[in-house]
Amino acid sequence: TKLFRLIFLVLGALLIILSPEMSKSAMFYYSNAMILGIVLVILIVLFQ
Protein backbone atom coordinates (compact mmCIF):
# COMPACT_ATOMS: atom_id res chain seq x y z
CA THR A 1 0.00 0.00 0.00
CA LYS A 2 2.93 2.37 0.55
CA LEU A 3 4.03 1.82 -3.04
CA PHE A 4 0.60 2.87 -4.31
CA ARG A 5 0.73 6.03 -2.20
CA LEU A 6 4.17 6.88 -3.58
CA ILE A 7 3.02 6.25 -7.16
CA PHE A 8 -0.04 8.47 -6.71
CA LEU A 9 2.11 11.17 -5.09
CA VAL A 10 4.48 11.18 -8.06
CA LEU A 11 1.60 11.15 -10.58
CA GLY A 12 -0.12 14.00 -8.76
CA ALA A 13 3.06 16.08 -8.70
CA LEU A 14 3.57 15.45 -12.43
CA LEU A 15 0.00 16.52 -13.18
CA ILE A 16 0.48 19.74 -11.22
CA ILE A 17 3.80 20.48 -12.94
CA LEU A 18 2.46 19.72 -16.43
CA SER A 19 -0.96 21.33 -15.97
CA PRO A 20 -0.17 24.69 -17.67
CA GLU A 21 1.00 22.85 -20.79
CA MET A 22 -1.87 20.36 -20.79
CA SER A 23 -4.53 23.03 -20.33
CA LYS A 24 -3.57 24.51 -23.72
CA SER A 25 -4.34 21.23 -25.49
CA ALA A 26 -7.88 20.49 -26.67
CA MET A 27 -6.93 16.81 -27.05
CA PHE A 28 -6.31 16.70 -23.29
CA TYR A 29 -9.89 17.76 -22.58
CA TYR A 30 -11.40 15.30 -25.08
CA SER A 31 -9.33 12.37 -23.86
CA ASN A 32 -10.12 13.11 -20.21
CA ALA A 33 -13.84 13.34 -20.97
CA MET A 34 -13.70 10.00 -22.80
CA ILE A 35 -11.79 8.33 -19.96
CA LEU A 36 -14.23 9.71 -17.38
CA GLY A 37 -17.20 8.48 -19.43
CA ILE A 38 -15.72 5.01 -19.82
CA VAL A 39 -14.99 4.74 -16.09
CA LEU A 40 -18.54 5.85 -15.23
CA VAL A 41 -20.04 3.29 -17.62
CA ILE A 42 -17.89 0.53 -16.11
CA LEU A 43 -18.95 1.54 -12.58
CA ILE A 44 -22.61 1.63 -13.57
CA VAL A 45 -22.37 -1.83 -15.15
CA LEU A 46 -20.52 -3.26 -12.14
CA PHE A 47 -22.96 -1.91 -9.55
CA GLN A 48 -26.25 -2.67 -11.29
PDB file of N, CA and C in Angstrom:
ATOM      1  N   THR A   1       0.822  -1.208   0.000  1.00  0.00           N
ATOM      2  CA  THR A   1       0.000   0.000   0.000  1.00  0.00           C
ATOM      3  C   THR A   1       0.863   1.267   0.000  1.00  0.00           C
ATOM      4  N   LYS A   2       2.061   1.188   0.574  1.00  0.00           N
ATOM      5  CA  LYS A   2       2.933   2.366   0.554  1.00  0.00           C
ATOM      6  C   LYS A   2       3.401   2.667  -0.863  1.00  0.00           C
ATOM      7  N   LEU A   3       3.597   1.612  -1.657  1.00  0.00           N
ATOM      8  CA  LEU A   3       4.032   1.822  -3.036  1.00  0.00           C
ATOM      9  C   LEU A   3       2.962   2.563  -3.823  1.00  0.00           C
ATOM     10  N   PHE A   4       1.690   2.187  -3.615  1.00  0.00           N
ATOM     11  CA  PHE A   4       0.597   2.871  -4.309  1.00  0.00           C
ATOM     12  C   PHE A   4       0.551   4.344  -3.930  1.00  0.00           C
ATOM     13  N   ARG A   5       0.756   4.636  -2.652  1.00  0.00           N
ATOM     14  CA  ARG A   5       0.728   6.029  -2.196  1.00  0.00           C
ATOM     15  C   ARG A   5       1.857   6.820  -2.844  1.00  0.00           C
ATOM     16  N   LEU A   6       3.027   6.211  -2.952  1.00  0.00           N
ATOM     17  CA  LEU A   6       4.169   6.881  -3.579  1.00  0.00           C
ATOM     18  C   LEU A   6       3.905   7.122  -5.060  1.00  0.00           C
ATOM     19  N   ILE A   7       3.336   6.116  -5.732  1.00  0.00           N
ATOM     20  CA  ILE A   7       3.023   6.251  -7.158  1.00  0.00           C
ATOM     21  C   ILE A   7       2.019   7.373  -7.372  1.00  0.00           C
ATOM     22  N   PHE A   8       0.957   7.418  -6.561  1.00  0.00           N
ATOM     23  CA  PHE A   8      -0.045   8.473  -6.711  1.00  0.00           C
ATOM     24  C   PHE A   8       0.535   9.844  -6.380  1.00  0.00           C
ATOM     25  N   LEU A   9       1.453   9.906  -5.416  1.00  0.00           N
ATOM     26  CA  LEU A   9       2.108  11.172  -5.087  1.00  0.00           C
ATOM     27  C   LEU A   9       2.909  11.684  -6.277  1.00  0.00           C
ATOM     28  N   VAL A  10       3.674  10.793  -6.905  1.00  0.00           N
ATOM     29  CA  VAL A  10       4.481  11.181  -8.064  1.00  0.00           C
ATOM     30  C   VAL A  10       3.580  11.585  -9.228  1.00  0.00           C
ATOM     31  N   LEU A  11       2.520  10.808  -9.493  1.00  0.00           N
ATOM     32  CA  LEU A  11       1.599  11.150 -10.583  1.00  0.00           C
ATOM     33  C   LEU A  11       0.913  12.487 -10.332  1.00  0.00           C
ATOM     34  N   GLY A  12       0.516  12.738  -9.105  1.00  0.00           N
ATOM     35  CA  GLY A  12      -0.119  14.004  -8.764  1.00  0.00           C
ATOM     36  C   GLY A  12       0.827  15.173  -8.957  1.00  0.00           C
ATOM     37  N   ALA A  13       2.068  15.020  -8.526  1.00  0.00           N
ATOM     38  CA  ALA A  13       3.059  16.084  -8.698  1.00  0.00           C
ATOM     39  C   ALA A  13       3.309  16.345 -10.181  1.00  0.00           C
ATOM     40  N   LEU A  14       3.385  15.277 -10.982  1.00  0.00           N
ATOM     41  CA  LEU A  14       3.571  15.445 -12.428  1.00  0.00           C
ATOM     42  C   LEU A  14       2.400  16.186 -13.052  1.00  0.00           C
ATOM     43  N   LEU A  15       1.179  15.831 -12.642  1.00  0.00           N
ATOM     44  CA  LEU A  15       0.001  16.522 -13.177  1.00  0.00           C
ATOM     45  C   LEU A  15       0.032  18.008 -12.845  1.00  0.00           C
ATOM     46  N   ILE A  16       0.426  18.330 -11.619  1.00  0.00           N
ATOM     47  CA  ILE A  16       0.483  19.739 -11.221  1.00  0.00           C
ATOM     48  C   ILE A  16       1.560  20.477 -12.016  1.00  0.00           C
ATOM     49  N   ILE A  17       2.706  19.837 -12.205  1.00  0.00           N
ATOM     50  CA  ILE A  17       3.800  20.479 -12.941  1.00  0.00           C
ATOM     51  C   ILE A  17       3.428  20.671 -14.407  1.00  0.00           C
ATOM     52  N   LEU A  18       2.772  19.667 -15.001  1.00  0.00           N
ATOM     53  CA  LEU A  18       2.464  19.717 -16.432  1.00  0.00           C
ATOM     54  C   LEU A  18       1.143  20.408 -16.751  1.00  0.00           C
ATOM     55  N   SER A  19       0.383  20.796 -15.721  1.00  0.00           N
ATOM     56  CA  SER A  19      -0.960  21.333 -15.974  1.00  0.00           C
ATOM     57  C   SER A  19      -1.000  22.576 -16.864  1.00  0.00           C
ATOM     58  N   PRO A  20      -0.078  23.537 -16.756  1.00  0.00           N
ATOM     59  CA  PRO A  20      -0.169  24.690 -17.674  1.00  0.00           C
ATOM     60  C   PRO A  20      -0.050  24.275 -19.143  1.00  0.00           C
ATOM     61  N   GLU A  21       0.821  23.311 -19.411  1.00  0.00           N
ATOM     62  CA  GLU A  21       1.002  22.854 -20.792  1.00  0.00           C
ATOM     63  C   GLU A  21      -0.210  22.063 -21.268  1.00  0.00           C
ATOM     64  N   MET A  22      -0.744  21.196 -20.388  1.00  0.00           N
ATOM     65  CA  MET A  22      -1.874  20.355 -20.786  1.00  0.00           C
ATOM     66  C   MET A  22      -3.145  21.169 -20.976  1.00  0.00           C
ATOM     67  N   SER A  23      -3.296  22.258 -20.232  1.00  0.00           N
ATOM     68  CA  SER A  23      -4.530  23.034 -20.329  1.00  0.00           C
ATOM     69  C   SER A  23      -4.639  23.769 -21.661  1.00  0.00           C
ATOM     70  N   LYS A  24      -3.532  23.868 -22.397  1.00  0.00           N
ATOM     71  CA  LYS A  24      -3.568  24.507 -23.721  1.00  0.00           C
ATOM     72  C   LYS A  24      -4.040  23.538 -24.799  1.00  0.00           C
ATOM     73  N   SER A  25      -4.062  22.250 -24.484  1.00  0.00           N
ATOM     74  CA  SER A  25      -4.341  21.227 -25.489  1.00  0.00           C
ATOM     75  C   SER A  25      -5.806  20.796 -25.451  1.00  0.00           C
ATOM     76  N   ALA A  26      -6.494  20.942 -26.584  1.00  0.00           N
ATOM     77  CA  ALA A  26      -7.885  20.492 -26.666  1.00  0.00           C
ATOM     78  C   ALA A  26      -7.960  18.966 -26.565  1.00  0.00           C
ATOM     79  N   MET A  27      -6.954  18.278 -27.095  1.00  0.00           N
ATOM     80  CA  MET A  27      -6.932  16.813 -27.046  1.00  0.00           C
ATOM     81  C   MET A  27      -6.956  16.323 -25.594  1.00  0.00           C
ATOM     82  N   PHE A  28      -6.314  17.051 -24.714  1.00  0.00           N
ATOM     83  CA  PHE A  28      -6.306  16.704 -23.292  1.00  0.00           C
ATOM     84  C   PHE A  28      -7.726  16.690 -22.732  1.00  0.00           C
ATOM     85  N   TYR A  29      -8.515  17.693 -23.080  1.00  0.00           N
ATOM     86  CA  TYR A  29      -9.892  17.761 -22.583  1.00  0.00           C
ATOM     87  C   TYR A  29     -10.740  16.626 -23.155  1.00  0.00           C
ATOM     88  N   TYR A  30     -10.614  16.363 -24.451  1.00  0.00           N
ATOM     89  CA  TYR A  30     -11.405  15.300 -25.075  1.00  0.00           C
ATOM     90  C   TYR A  30     -11.036  13.935 -24.508  1.00  0.00           C
ATOM     91  N   SER A  31      -9.742  13.682 -24.359  1.00  0.00           N
ATOM     92  CA  SER A  31      -9.329  12.368 -23.858  1.00  0.00           C
ATOM     93  C   SER A  31      -9.761  12.179 -22.404  1.00  0.00           C
ATOM     94  N   ASN A  32      -9.669  13.229 -21.601  1.00  0.00           N
ATOM     95  CA  ASN A  32     -10.119  13.110 -20.212  1.00  0.00           C
ATOM     96  C   ASN A  32     -11.615  12.876 -20.128  1.00  0.00           C
ATOM     97  N   ALA A  33     -12.387  13.544 -20.972  1.00  0.00           N
ATOM     98  CA  ALA A  33     -13.836  13.341 -20.973  1.00  0.00           C
ATOM     99  C   ALA A  33     -14.169  11.910 -21.377  1.00  0.00           C
ATOM    100  N   MET A  34     -13.465  11.377 -22.367  1.00  0.00           N
ATOM    101  CA  MET A  34     -13.698   9.996 -22.798  1.00  0.00           C
ATOM    102  C   MET A  34     -13.350   9.016 -21.676  1.00  0.00           C
ATOM    103  N   ILE A  35     -12.217   9.216 -21.041  1.00  0.00           N
ATOM    104  CA  ILE A  35     -11.794   8.325 -19.958  1.00  0.00           C
ATOM    105  C   ILE A  35     -12.800   8.371 -18.812  1.00  0.00           C
ATOM    106  N   LEU A  36     -13.244   9.573 -18.456  1.00  0.00           N
ATOM    107  CA  LEU A  36     -14.231   9.710 -17.384  1.00  0.00           C
ATOM    108  C   LEU A  36     -15.529   8.995 -17.747  1.00  0.00           C
ATOM    109  N   GLY A  37     -15.977   9.148 -18.982  1.00  0.00           N
ATOM    110  CA  GLY A  37     -17.197   8.482 -19.434  1.00  0.00           C
ATOM    111  C   GLY A  37     -17.074   6.973 -19.383  1.00  0.00           C
ATOM    112  N   ILE A  38     -15.941   6.457 -19.822  1.00  0.00           N
ATOM    113  CA  ILE A  38     -15.725   5.007 -19.820  1.00  0.00           C
ATOM    114  C   ILE A  38     -15.720   4.471 -18.393  1.00  0.00           C
ATOM    115  N   VAL A  39     -15.040   5.172 -17.491  1.00  0.00           N
ATOM    116  CA  VAL A  39     -14.992   4.741 -16.088  1.00  0.00           C
ATOM    117  C   VAL A  39     -16.391   4.749 -15.479  1.00  0.00           C
ATOM    118  N   LEU A  40     -17.174   5.787 -15.769  1.00  0.00           N
ATOM    119  CA  LEU A  40     -18.538   5.851 -15.232  1.00  0.00           C
ATOM    120  C   LEU A  40     -19.398   4.708 -15.759  1.00  0.00           C
ATOM    121  N   VAL A  41     -19.275   4.395 -17.042  1.00  0.00           N
ATOM    122  CA  VAL A  41     -20.041   3.285 -17.615  1.00  0.00           C
ATOM    123  C   VAL A  41     -19.646   1.968 -16.951  1.00  0.00           C
ATOM    124  N   ILE A  42     -18.352   1.758 -16.756  1.00  0.00           N
ATOM    125  CA  ILE A  42     -17.888   0.528 -16.108  1.00  0.00           C
ATOM    126  C   ILE A  42     -18.446   0.433 -14.688  1.00  0.00           C
ATOM    127  N   LEU A  43     -18.412   1.549 -13.943  1.00  0.00           N
ATOM    128  CA  LEU A  43     -18.947   1.538 -12.578  1.00  0.00           C
ATOM    129  C   LEU A  43     -20.444   1.261 -12.567  1.00  0.00           C
ATOM    130  N   ILE A  44     -21.168   1.855 -13.502  1.00  0.00           N
ATOM    131  CA  ILE A  44     -22.613   1.630 -13.573  1.00  0.00           C
ATOM    132  C   ILE A  44     -22.908   0.162 -13.874  1.00  0.00           C
ATOM    133  N   VAL A  45     -22.159  -0.424 -14.798  1.00  0.00           N
ATOM    134  CA  VAL A  45     -22.367  -1.833 -15.148  1.00  0.00           C
ATOM    135  C   VAL A  45     -22.019  -2.732 -13.964  1.00  0.00           C
ATOM    136  N   LEU A  46     -20.933  -2.423 -13.264  1.00  0.00           N
ATOM    137  CA  LEU A  46     -20.516  -3.261 -12.139  1.00  0.00           C
ATOM    138  C   LEU A  46     -21.509  -3.222 -10.984  1.00  0.00           C
ATOM    139  N   PHE A  47     -22.112  -2.067 -10.734  1.00  0.00           N
ATOM    140  CA  PHE A  47     -22.956  -1.912  -9.548  1.00  0.00           C
ATOM    141  C   PHE A  47     -24.443  -1.915  -9.865  1.00  0.00           C
ATOM    142  N   GLN A  48     -24.823  -2.550 -10.958  1.00  0.00           N
ATOM    143  CA  GLN A  48     -26.249  -2.669 -11.289  1.00  0.00           C
ATOM    144  C   GLN A  48     -26.951  -3.554 -10.273  1.00  0.00           C
TER     145      GLN A  48
END
